[in-house]
Amino acid sequence: MKNQFRQGDVLIEKIDKMPKGLKRKDQIIALGEVTGHKHFFPSEQVLVYKDENNNQFVNVQKTAELVHDEHQAIKLEKGNYKIVMQRQFDLLEGIKQVMD
């Protein structure tokens, strides 16, 4: 079984359990500021959360897909996952999040 999945600038890592103190959020994982596309879960079987530092976590209750207009959908099995956004270093701006 795979423990990591990538969809563009989004890395998904399977975790054993969800951290405490999370708050529920919408199904959108990342928005493309240039294209307007988004990485999101269209299924109500996926619960998306964030922590106080805006790190995102996903509880997949039944097999579901993460979709995006420009990338192949990723199928995730039931379980818990952490979302990691790819970052890059810019000499003028320092470390910043990669945007689609």
PDB file of N, CA and C in Angstrom:
ATOM      1  N   MET A   1       0.843  -1.176   0.000  1.00  0.00           N
ATOM      2  CA  MET A   1       0.000   0.000   0.000  1.00  0.00           C
ATOM      3  C   MET A   1       0.888   1.238   0.000  1.00  0.00           C
ATOM      4  N   LYS A   2       0.505   2.230  -0.794  1.00  0.00           N
ATOM      5  CA  LYS A   2       1.222   3.492  -0.823  1.00  0.00           C
ATOM      6  C   LYS A   2       0.887   4.316   0.417  1.00  0.00           C
ATOM      7  N   ASN A   3       1.861   5.054   0.900  1.00  0.00           N
ATOM      8  CA  ASN A   3       1.634   5.934   2.039  1.00  0.00           C
ATOM      9  C   ASN A   3       1.683   7.398   1.659  1.00  0.00           C
ATOM     10  N   GLN A   4       2.116   7.706   0.410  1.00  0.00           N
ATOM     11  CA  GLN A   4       2.167   9.082  -0.066  1.00  0.00           C
ATOM     12  C   GLN A   4       1.589   9.155  -1.470  1.00  0.00           C
ATOM     13  N   PHE A   5       0.947  10.292  -1.740  1.00  0.00           N
ATOM     14  CA  PHE A   5       0.352  10.541  -3.046  1.00  0.00           C
ATOM     15  C   PHE A   5       0.637  11.997  -3.388  1.00  0.00           C
ATOM     16  N   ARG A   6       0.785  12.300  -4.674  1.00  0.00           N
ATOM     17  CA  ARG A   6       1.025  13.679  -5.087  1.00  0.00           C
ATOM     18  C   ARG A   6       0.063  14.047  -6.210  1.00  0.00           C
ATOM     19  N   GLN A   7      -0.479  15.265  -6.108  1.00  0.00           N
ATOM     20  CA  GLN A   7      -1.309  15.827  -7.168  1.00  0.00           C
ATOM     21  C   GLN A   7      -0.833  17.260  -7.365  1.00  0.00           C
ATOM     22  N   GLY A   8       0.036  17.466  -8.368  1.00  0.00           N
ATOM     23  CA  GLY A   8       0.613  18.792  -8.575  1.00  0.00           C
ATOM     24  C   GLY A   8       1.414  19.218  -7.361  1.00  0.00           C
ATOM     25  N   ASP A   9       1.057  20.360  -6.776  1.00  0.00           N
ATOM     26  CA  ASP A   9       1.796  20.894  -5.628  1.00  0.00           C
ATOM     27  C   ASP A   9       1.260  20.387  -4.289  1.00  0.00           C
ATOM     28  N   VAL A  10       0.355  19.415  -4.315  1.00  0.00           N
ATOM     29  CA  VAL A  10      -0.233  18.852  -3.098  1.00  0.00           C
ATOM     30  C   VAL A  10       0.332  17.457  -2.844  1.00  0.00           C
ATOM     31  N   LEU A  11       0.916  17.263  -1.660  1.00  0.00           N
ATOM     32  CA  LEU A  11       1.398  15.955  -1.228  1.00  0.00           C
ATOM     33  C   LEU A  11       0.460  15.462  -0.134  1.00  0.00           C
ATOM     34  N   ILE A  12       0.052  14.200  -0.232  1.00  0.00           N
ATOM     35  CA  ILE A  12      -0.855  13.603   0.744  1.00  0.00           C
ATOM     36  C   ILE A  12      -0.117  12.452   1.403  1.00  0.00           C
ATOM     37  N   GLU A  13      -0.042  12.481   2.735  1.00  0.00           N
ATOM     38  CA  GLU A  13       0.645  11.437   3.496  1.00  0.00           C
ATOM     39  C   GLU A  13      -0.353  10.733   4.408  1.00  0.00           C
ATOM     40  N   LYS A  14      -0.374   9.418   4.343  1.00  0.00           N
ATOM     41  CA  LYS A  14      -1.241   8.647   5.238  1.00  0.00           C
ATOM     42  C   LYS A  14      -0.666   8.716   6.651  1.00  0.00           C
ATOM     43  N   ILE A  15      -1.549   8.940   7.635  1.00  0.00           N
ATOM     44  CA  ILE A  15      -1.131   9.006   9.035  1.00  0.00           C
ATOM     45  C   ILE A  15      -1.977   8.026   9.849  1.00  0.00           C
ATOM     46  N   ASP A  16      -1.472   7.637  11.005  1.00  0.00           N
ATOM     47  CA  ASP A  16      -2.184   6.677  11.844  1.00  0.00           C
ATOM     48  C   ASP A  16      -3.435   7.265  12.478  1.00  0.00           C
ATOM     49  N   LYS A  17      -3.325   8.484  13.013  1.00  0.00           N
ATOM     50  CA  LYS A  17      -4.492   9.093  13.646  1.00  0.00           C
ATOM     51  C   LYS A  17      -4.445  10.605  13.486  1.00  0.00           C
ATOM     52  N   MET A  18      -5.608  11.197  13.626  1.00  0.00           N
ATOM     53  CA  MET A  18      -5.738  12.640  13.476  1.00  0.00           C
ATOM     54  C   MET A  18      -5.238  13.334  14.743  1.00  0.00           C
ATOM     55  N   PRO A  19      -4.565  14.476  14.588  1.00  0.00           N
ATOM     56  CA  PRO A  19      -4.160  15.250  15.764  1.00  0.00           C
ATOM     57  C   PRO A  19      -5.395  15.795  16.501  1.00  0.00           C
ATOM     58  N   LYS A  20      -5.205  16.182  17.739  1.00  0.00           N
ATOM     59  CA  LYS A  20      -6.298  16.771  18.516  1.00  0.00           C
ATOM     60  C   LYS A  20      -6.406  18.260  18.229  1.00  0.00           C
ATOM     61  N   GLY A  21      -7.578  18.823  18.498  1.00  0.00           N
ATOM     62  CA  GLY A  21      -7.785  20.270  18.378  1.00  0.00           C
ATOM     63  C   GLY A  21      -8.024  20.766  16.967  1.00  0.00           C
ATOM     64  N   LEU A  22      -8.441  19.901  16.051  1.00  0.00           N
ATOM     65  CA  LEU A  22      -8.684  20.307  14.672  1.00  0.00           C
ATOM     66  C   LEU A  22     -10.061  20.946  14.517  1.00  0.00           C
ATOM     67  N   LYS A  23     -10.181  21.815  13.514  1.00  0.00           N
ATOM     68  CA  LYS A  23     -11.466  22.442  13.193  1.00  0.00           C
ATOM     69  C   LYS A  23     -11.875  22.061  11.777  1.00  0.00           C
ATOM     70  N   ARG A  24     -13.133  21.769  11.604  1.00  0.00           N
ATOM     71  CA  ARG A  24     -13.681  21.394  10.299  1.00  0.00           C
ATOM     72  C   ARG A  24     -13.586  22.555   9.328  1.00  0.00           C
ATOM     73  N   LYS A  25     -13.356  22.245   8.049  1.00  0.00           N
ATOM     74  CA  LYS A  25     -13.335  23.265   6.994  1.00  0.00           C
ATOM     75  C   LYS A  25     -13.996  22.713   5.744  1.00  0.00           C
ATOM     76  N   ASP A  26     -14.055  23.509   4.688  1.00  0.00           N
ATOM     77  CA  ASP A  26     -14.676  23.050   3.445  1.00  0.00           C
ATOM     78  C   ASP A  26     -13.817  22.005   2.747  1.00  0.00           C
ATOM     79  N   GLN A  27     -14.288  21.483   1.636  1.00  0.00           N
ATOM     80  CA  GLN A  27     -13.638  20.380   0.926  1.00  0.00           C
ATOM     81  C   GLN A  27     -12.491  20.823   0.023  1.00  0.00           C
ATOM     82  N   ILE A  28     -12.216  22.117  -0.057  1.00  0.00           N
ATOM     83  CA  ILE A  28     -11.155  22.629  -0.929  1.00  0.00           C
ATOM     84  C   ILE A  28      -9.821  22.561  -0.202  1.00  0.00           C
ATOM     85  N   ILE A  29      -8.858  21.862  -0.816  1.00  0.00           N
ATOM     86  CA  ILE A  29      -7.521  21.704  -0.240  1.00  0.00           C
ATOM     87  C   ILE A  29      -6.608  22.857  -0.658  1.00  0.00           C
ATOM     88  N   ALA A  30      -6.690  23.262  -1.932  1.00  0.00           N
ATOM     89  CA  ALA A  30      -5.836  24.345  -2.438  1.00  0.00           C
ATOM     90  C   ALA A  30      -6.515  25.012  -3.618  1.00  0.00           C
ATOM     91  N   LEU A  31      -6.350  26.332  -3.716  1.00  0.00           N
ATOM     92  CA  LEU A  31      -6.871  27.109  -4.836  1.00  0.00           C
ATOM     93  C   LEU A  31      -5.720  27.561  -5.719  1.00  0.00           C
ATOM     94  N   GLY A  32      -5.921  27.497  -7.022  1.00  0.00           N
ATOM     95  CA  GLY A  32      -4.942  28.025  -7.967  1.00  0.00           C
ATOM     96  C   GLY A  32      -5.199  29.502  -8.162  1.00  0.00           C
ATOM     97  N   GLU A  33      -4.283  30.332  -7.687  1.00  0.00           N
ATOM     98  CA  GLU A  33      -4.485  31.775  -7.775  1.00  0.00           C
ATOM     99  C   GLU A  33      -4.436  32.296  -9.209  1.00  0.00           C
ATOM    100  N   VAL A  34      -3.688  31.627 -10.068  1.00  0.00           N
ATOM    101  CA  VAL A  34      -3.562  32.078 -11.449  1.00  0.00           C
ATOM    102  C   VAL A  34      -4.686  31.515 -12.312  1.00  0.00           C
ATOM    103  N   THR A  35      -4.927  30.217 -12.218  1.00  0.00           N
ATOM    104  CA  THR A  35      -5.888  29.551 -13.104  1.00  0.00           C
ATOM    105  C   THR A  35      -7.303  29.489 -12.551  1.00  0.00           C
ATOM    106  N   GLY A  36      -7.459  29.630 -11.238  1.00  0.00           N
ATOM    107  CA  GLY A  36      -8.775  29.498 -10.630  1.00  0.00           C
ATOM    108  C   GLY A  36      -9.184  28.052 -10.381  1.00  0.00           C
ATOM    109  N   HIS A  37      -8.329  27.112 -10.776  1.00  0.00           N
ATOM    110  CA  HIS A  37      -8.617  25.705 -10.515  1.00  0.00           C
ATOM    111  C   HIS A  37      -8.401  25.408  -9.037  1.00  0.00           C
ATOM    112  N   LYS A  38      -8.967  24.294  -8.595  1.00  0.00           N
ATOM    113  CA  LYS A  38      -8.816  23.936  -7.190  1.00  0.00           C
ATOM    114  C   LYS A  38      -8.628  22.438  -7.028  1.00  0.00           C
ATOM    115  N   HIS A  39      -7.945  22.061  -5.945  1.00  0.00           N
ATOM    116  CA  HIS A  39      -7.825  20.674  -5.513  1.00  0.00           C
ATOM    117  C   HIS A  39      -8.930  20.500  -4.472  1.00  0.00           C
ATOM    118  N   PHE A  40      -9.845  19.565  -4.690  1.00  0.00           N
ATOM    119  CA  PHE A  40     -10.938  19.416  -3.729  1.00  0.00           C
ATOM    120  C   PHE A  40     -11.513  17.999  -3.742  1.00  0.00           C
ATOM    121  N   PHE A  41     -12.214  17.688  -2.666  1.00  0.00           N
ATOM    122  CA  PHE A  41     -12.908  16.420  -2.522  1.00  0.00           C
ATOM    123  C   PHE A  41     -14.391  16.663  -2.764  1.00  0.00           C
ATOM    124  N   PRO A  42     -14.967  16.137  -3.856  1.00  0.00           N
ATOM    125  CA  PRO A  42     -16.393  16.338  -4.102  1.00  0.00           C
ATOM    126  C   PRO A  42     -17.286  15.428  -3.251  1.00  0.00           C
ATOM    127  N   SER A  43     -16.718  14.495  -2.539  1.00  0.00           N
ATOM    128  CA  SER A  43     -17.485  13.519  -1.764  1.00  0.00           C
ATOM    129  C   SER A  43     -17.778  14.004  -0.347  1.00  0.00           C
ATOM    130  N   GLU A  44     -18.972  13.738   0.128  1.00  0.00           N
ATOM    131  CA  GLU A  44     -19.324  14.035   1.514  1.00  0.00           C
ATOM    132  C   GLU A  44     -18.759  12.980   2.456  1.00  0.00           C
ATOM    133  N   GLN A  45     -18.117  11.948   1.901  1.00  0.00           N
ATOM    134  CA  GLN A  45     -17.490  10.900   2.704  1.00  0.00           C
ATOM    135  C   GLN A  45     -16.081  11.300   3.156  1.00  0.00           C
ATOM    136  N   VAL A  46     -15.699  12.536   2.850  1.00  0.00           N
ATOM    137  CA  VAL A  46     -14.382  13.055   3.236  1.00  0.00           C
ATOM    138  C   VAL A  46     -14.583  14.262   4.142  1.00  0.00           C
ATOM    139  N   LEU A  47     -13.946  14.218   5.302  1.00  0.00           N
ATOM    140  CA  LEU A  47     -14.011  15.343   6.238  1.00  0.00           C
ATOM    141  C   LEU A  47     -12.649  16.013   6.253  1.00  0.00           C
ATOM    142  N   VAL A  48     -12.630  17.312   5.994  1.00  0.00           N
ATOM    143  CA  VAL A  48     -11.380  18.069   5.923  1.00  0.00           C
ATOM    144  C   VAL A  48     -11.295  18.973   7.150  1.00  0.00           C
ATOM    145  N   TYR A  49     -10.109  18.995   7.747  1.00  0.00           N
ATOM    146  CA  TYR A  49      -9.875  19.765   8.968  1.00  0.00           C
ATOM    147  C   TYR A  49      -8.604  20.603   8.817  1.00  0.00           C
ATOM    148  N   LYS A  50      -8.468  21.596   9.691  1.00  0.00           N
ATOM    149  CA  LYS A  50      -7.214  22.350   9.775  1.00  0.00           C
ATOM    150  C   LYS A  50      -6.880  22.554  11.240  1.00  0.00           C
ATOM    151  N   ASP A  51      -5.570  22.741  11.492  1.00  0.00           N
ATOM    152  CA  ASP A  51      -5.140  23.023  12.858  1.00  0.00           C
ATOM    153  C   ASP A  51      -4.898  24.523  13.010  1.00  0.00           C
ATOM    154  N   GLU A  52      -4.403  24.929  14.156  1.00  0.00           N
ATOM    155  CA  GLU A  52      -4.200  26.363  14.431  1.00  0.00           C
ATOM    156  C   GLU A  52      -3.157  27.001  13.524  1.00  0.00           C
ATOM    157  N   ASN A  53      -2.314  26.195  12.865  1.00  0.00           N
ATOM    158  CA  ASN A  53      -1.300  26.709  11.938  1.00  0.00           C
ATOM    159  C   ASN A  53      -1.723  26.561  10.480  1.00  0.00           C
ATOM    160  N   ASN A  54      -2.998  26.240  10.252  1.00  0.00           N
ATOM    161  CA  ASN A  54      -3.577  26.027   8.921  1.00  0.00           C
ATOM    162  C   ASN A  54      -3.038  24.798   8.202  1.00  0.00           C
ATOM    163  N   ASN A  55      -2.414  23.859   8.935  1.00  0.00           N
ATOM    164  CA  ASN A  55      -2.085  22.563   8.344  1.00  0.00           C
ATOM    165  C   ASN A  55      -3.403  21.827   8.153  1.00  0.00           C
ATOM    166  N   GLN A  56      -3.518  21.087   7.037  1.00  0.00           N
ATOM    167  CA  GLN A  56      -4.769  20.412   6.738  1.00  0.00           C
ATOM    168  C   GLN A  56      -4.657  18.902   6.927  1.00  0.00           C
ATOM    169  N   PHE A  57      -5.760  18.312   7.367  1.00  0.00           N
ATOM    170  CA  PHE A  57      -5.850  16.876   7.596  1.00  0.00           C
ATOM    171  C   PHE A  57      -7.174  16.391   7.021  1.00  0.00           C
ATOM    172  N   VAL A  58      -7.180  15.146   6.567  1.00  0.00           N
ATOM    173  CA  VAL A  58      -8.355  14.598   5.917  1.00  0.00           C
ATOM    174  C   VAL A  58      -8.705  13.251   6.526  1.00  0.00           C
ATOM    175  N   ASN A  59      -9.988  13.066   6.819  1.00  0.00           N
ATOM    176  CA  ASN A  59     -10.498  11.770   7.259  1.00  0.00           C
ATOM    177  C   ASN A  59     -11.391  11.253   6.135  1.00  0.00           C
ATOM    178  N   VAL A  60     -10.927  10.199   5.464  1.00  0.00           N
ATOM    179  CA  VAL A  60     -11.686   9.583   4.373  1.00  0.00           C
ATOM    180  C   VAL A  60     -12.483   8.435   4.979  1.00  0.00           C
ATOM    181  N   GLN A  61     -13.808   8.580   4.978  1.00  0.00           N
ATOM    182  CA  GLN A  61     -14.676   7.587   5.603  1.00  0.00           C
ATOM    183  C   GLN A  61     -15.014   6.429   4.671  1.00  0.00           C
ATOM    184  N   LYS A  62     -14.920   6.688   3.385  1.00  0.00           N
ATOM    185  CA  LYS A  62     -15.180   5.692   2.346  1.00  0.00           C
ATOM    186  C   LYS A  62     -14.349   6.108   1.140  1.00  0.00           C
ATOM    187  N   THR A  63     -13.809   5.158   0.396  1.00  0.00           N
ATOM    188  CA  THR A  63     -12.948   5.480  -0.747  1.00  0.00           C
ATOM    189  C   THR A  63     -13.484   6.695  -1.507  1.00  0.00           C
ATOM    190  N   ALA A  64     -12.593   7.673  -1.756  1.00  0.00           N
ATOM    191  CA  ALA A  64     -12.985   8.919  -2.414  1.00  0.00           C
ATOM    192  C   ALA A  64     -11.833   9.443  -3.259  1.00  0.00           C
ATOM    193  N   GLU A  65     -12.137  10.438  -4.094  1.00  0.00           N
ATOM    194  CA  GLU A  65     -11.120  11.007  -4.977  1.00  0.00           C
ATOM    195  C   GLU A  65     -10.861  12.471  -4.665  1.00  0.00           C
ATOM    196  N   LEU A  66      -9.572  12.847  -4.777  1.00  0.00           N
ATOM    197  CA  LEU A  66      -9.168  14.246  -4.776  1.00  0.00           C
ATOM    198  C   LEU A  66      -9.093  14.638  -6.247  1.00  0.00           C
ATOM    199  N   VAL A  67      -9.810  15.686  -6.646  1.00  0.00           N
ATOM    200  CA  VAL A  67      -9.865  16.055  -8.058  1.00  0.00           C
ATOM    201  C   VAL A  67      -9.296  17.448  -8.297  1.00  0.00           C
ATOM    202  N   HIS A  68      -8.883  17.654  -9.548  1.00  0.00           N
ATOM    203  CA  HIS A  68      -8.343  18.934 -10.017  1.00  0.00           C
ATOM    204  C   HIS A  68      -8.484  18.932 -11.530  1.00  0.00           C
ATOM    205  N   ASP A  69      -8.800  20.087 -12.126  1.00  0.00           N
ATOM    206  CA  ASP A  69      -9.031  20.167 -13.572  1.00  0.00           C
ATOM    207  C   ASP A  69      -7.816  19.809 -14.415  1.00  0.00           C
ATOM    208  N   GLU A  70      -6.617  20.038 -13.891  1.00  0.00           N
ATOM    209  CA  GLU A  70      -5.409  19.833 -14.692  1.00  0.00           C
ATOM    210  C   GLU A  70      -4.592  18.606 -14.298  1.00  0.00           C
ATOM    211  N   HIS A  71      -5.038  17.860 -13.295  1.00  0.00           N
ATOM    212  CA  HIS A  71      -4.306  16.684 -12.831  1.00  0.00           C
ATOM    213  C   HIS A  71      -5.229  15.478 -12.781  1.00  0.00           C
ATOM    214  N   GLN A  72      -4.637  14.311 -12.868  1.00  0.00           N
ATOM    215  CA  GLN A  72      -5.408  13.082 -12.735  1.00  0.00           C
ATOM    216  C   GLN A  72      -5.927  12.967 -11.299  1.00  0.00           C
ATOM    217  N   ALA A  73      -7.162  12.510 -11.158  1.00  0.00           N
ATOM    218  CA  ALA A  73      -7.746  12.331  -9.814  1.00  0.00           C
ATOM    219  C   ALA A  73      -6.939  11.295  -9.039  1.00  0.00           C
ATOM    220  N   ILE A  74      -6.888  11.472  -7.728  1.00  0.00           N
ATOM    221  CA  ILE A  74      -6.206  10.528  -6.845  1.00  0.00           C
ATOM    222  C   ILE A  74      -7.259   9.849  -5.989  1.00  0.00           C
ATOM    223  N   LYS A  75      -7.249   8.530  -6.009  1.00  0.00           N
ATOM    224  CA  LYS A  75      -8.189   7.764  -5.198  1.00  0.00           C
ATOM    225  C   LYS A  75      -7.548   7.454  -3.856  1.00  0.00           C
ATOM    226  N   LEU A  76      -8.236   7.823  -2.781  1.00  0.00           N
ATOM    227  CA  LEU A  76      -7.757   7.554  -1.435  1.00  0.00           C
ATOM    228  C   LEU A  76      -8.684   6.552  -0.755  1.00  0.00           C
ATOM    229  N   GLU A  77      -8.084   5.578  -0.135  1.00  0.00           N
ATOM    230  CA  GLU A  77      -8.841   4.580   0.616  1.00  0.00           C
ATOM    231  C   GLU A  77      -9.217   5.146   1.985  1.00  0.00           C
ATOM    232  N   LYS A  78     -10.119   4.484   2.664  1.00  0.00           N
ATOM    233  CA  LYS A  78     -10.536   4.884   4.000  1.00  0.00           C
ATOM    234  C   LYS A  78      -9.307   5.055   4.891  1.00  0.00           C
ATOM    235  N   GLY A  79      -9.262   6.160   5.646  1.00  0.00           N
ATOM    236  CA  GLY A  79      -8.133   6.402   6.535  1.00  0.00           C
ATOM    237  C   GLY A  79      -7.930   7.874   6.815  1.00  0.00           C
ATOM    238  N   ASN A  80      -6.834   8.183   7.484  1.00  0.00           N
ATOM    239  CA  ASN A  80      -6.477   9.548   7.853  1.00  0.00           C
ATOM    240  C   ASN A  80      -5.247   9.989   7.065  1.00  0.00           C
ATOM    241  N   TYR A  81      -5.240  11.252   6.671  1.00  0.00           N
ATOM    242  CA  TYR A  81      -4.168  11.774   5.833  1.00  0.00           C
ATOM    243  C   TYR A  81      -3.808  13.197   6.253  1.00  0.00           C
ATOM    244  N   LYS A  82      -2.548  13.550   6.045  1.00  0.00           N
ATOM    245  CA  LYS A  82      -2.084  14.926   6.240  1.00  0.00           C
ATOM    246  C   LYS A  82      -1.799  15.503   4.855  1.00  0.00           C
ATOM    247  N   ILE A  83      -2.180  16.752   4.661  1.00  0.00           N
ATOM    248  CA  ILE A  83      -1.944  17.447   3.403  1.00  0.00           C
ATOM    249  C   ILE A  83      -0.708  18.327   3.579  1.00  0.00           C
ATOM    250  N   VAL A  84       0.253  18.193   2.670  1.00  0.00           N
ATOM    251  CA  VAL A  84       1.473  19.001   2.702  1.00  0.00           C
ATOM    252  C   VAL A  84       1.558  19.768   1.389  1.00  0.00           C
ATOM    253  N   MET A  85       1.606  21.095   1.487  1.00  0.00           N
ATOM    254  CA  MET A  85       1.712  21.929   0.288  1.00  0.00           C
ATOM    255  C   MET A  85       3.182  22.129  -0.067  1.00  0.00           C
ATOM    256  N   GLN A  86       3.505  21.932  -1.344  1.00  0.00           N
ATOM    257  CA  GLN A  86       4.881  22.113  -1.801  1.00  0.00           C
ATOM    258  C   GLN A  86       5.267  23.573  -1.642  1.00  0.00           C
ATOM    259  N   ARG A  87       6.523  23.792  -1.223  1.00  0.00           N
ATOM    260  CA  ARG A  87       7.045  25.145  -1.072  1.00  0.00           C
ATOM    261  C   ARG A  87       8.284  25.308  -1.943  1.00  0.00           C
ATOM    262  N   GLN A  88       8.631  26.552  -2.232  1.00  0.00           N
ATOM    263  CA  GLN A  88       9.838  26.833  -2.996  1.00  0.00           C
ATOM    264  C   GLN A  88      10.556  28.027  -2.380  1.00  0.00           C
ATOM    265  N   PHE A  89      11.847  28.130  -2.698  1.00  0.00           N
ATOM    266  CA  PHE A  89      12.632  29.232  -2.181  1.00  0.00           C
ATOM    267  C   PHE A  89      12.829  30.261  -3.276  1.00  0.00           C
ATOM    268  N   ASP A  90      12.560  31.520  -2.964  1.00  0.00           N
ATOM    269  CA  ASP A  90      12.740  32.640  -3.873  1.00  0.00           C
ATOM    270  C   ASP A  90      13.730  33.592  -3.206  1.00  0.00           C
ATOM    271  N   LEU A  91      14.770  34.012  -3.923  1.00  0.00           N
ATOM    272  CA  LEU A  91      15.795  34.875  -3.327  1.00  0.00           C
ATOM    273  C   LEU A  91      15.219  36.171  -2.766  1.00  0.00           C
ATOM    274  N   LEU A  92      14.206  36.726  -3.401  1.00  0.00           N
ATOM    275  CA  LEU A  92      13.628  37.984  -2.938  1.00  0.00           C
ATOM    276  C   LEU A  92      12.552  37.789  -1.872  1.00  0.00           C
ATOM    277  N   GLU A  93      11.777  36.716  -1.994  1.00  0.00           N
ATOM    278  CA  GLU A  93      10.642  36.516  -1.094  1.00  0.00           C
ATOM    279  C   GLU A  93      10.867  35.442  -0.032  1.00  0.00           C
ATOM    280  N   GLY A  94      11.961  34.684  -0.138  1.00  0.00           N
ATOM    281  CA  GLY A  94      12.219  33.614   0.812  1.00  0.00           C
ATOM    282  C   GLY A  94      11.389  32.384   0.477  1.00  0.00           C
ATOM    283  N   ILE A  95      11.034  31.606   1.496  1.00  0.00           N
ATOM    284  CA  ILE A  95      10.254  30.394   1.281  1.00  0.00           C
ATOM    285  C   ILE A  95       8.788  30.774   1.099  1.00  0.00           C
ATOM    286  N   LYS A  96       8.171  30.240   0.043  1.00  0.00           N
ATOM    287  CA  LYS A  96       6.751  30.517  -0.210  1.00  0.00           C
ATOM    288  C   LYS A  96       6.080  29.283  -0.769  1.00  0.00           C
ATOM    289  N   GLN A  97       4.778  29.245  -0.625  1.00  0.00           N
ATOM    290  CA  GLN A  97       3.991  28.120  -1.115  1.00  0.00           C
ATOM    291  C   GLN A  97       3.918  28.164  -2.634  1.00  0.00           C
ATOM    292  N   VAL A  98       4.025  27.000  -3.272  1.00  0.00           N
ATOM    293  CA  VAL A  98       3.877  26.898  -4.725  1.00  0.00           C
ATOM    294  C   VAL A  98       2.396  27.048  -5.050  1.00  0.00           C
ATOM    295  N   MET A  99       2.092  27.801  -6.096  1.00  0.00           N
ATOM    296  CA  MET A  99       0.693  28.003  -6.538  1.00  0.00           C
ATOM    297  C   MET A  99       0.519  27.430  -7.928  1.00  0.00           C
ATOM    298  N   ASP A 100      -0.605  26.737  -8.143  1.00  0.00           N
ATOM    299  CA  ASP A 100      -0.949  26.235  -9.485  1.00  0.00           C
ATOM    300  C   ASP A 100      -1.225  27.375 -10.415  1.00  0.00           C
TER     301      ASP A 100
END
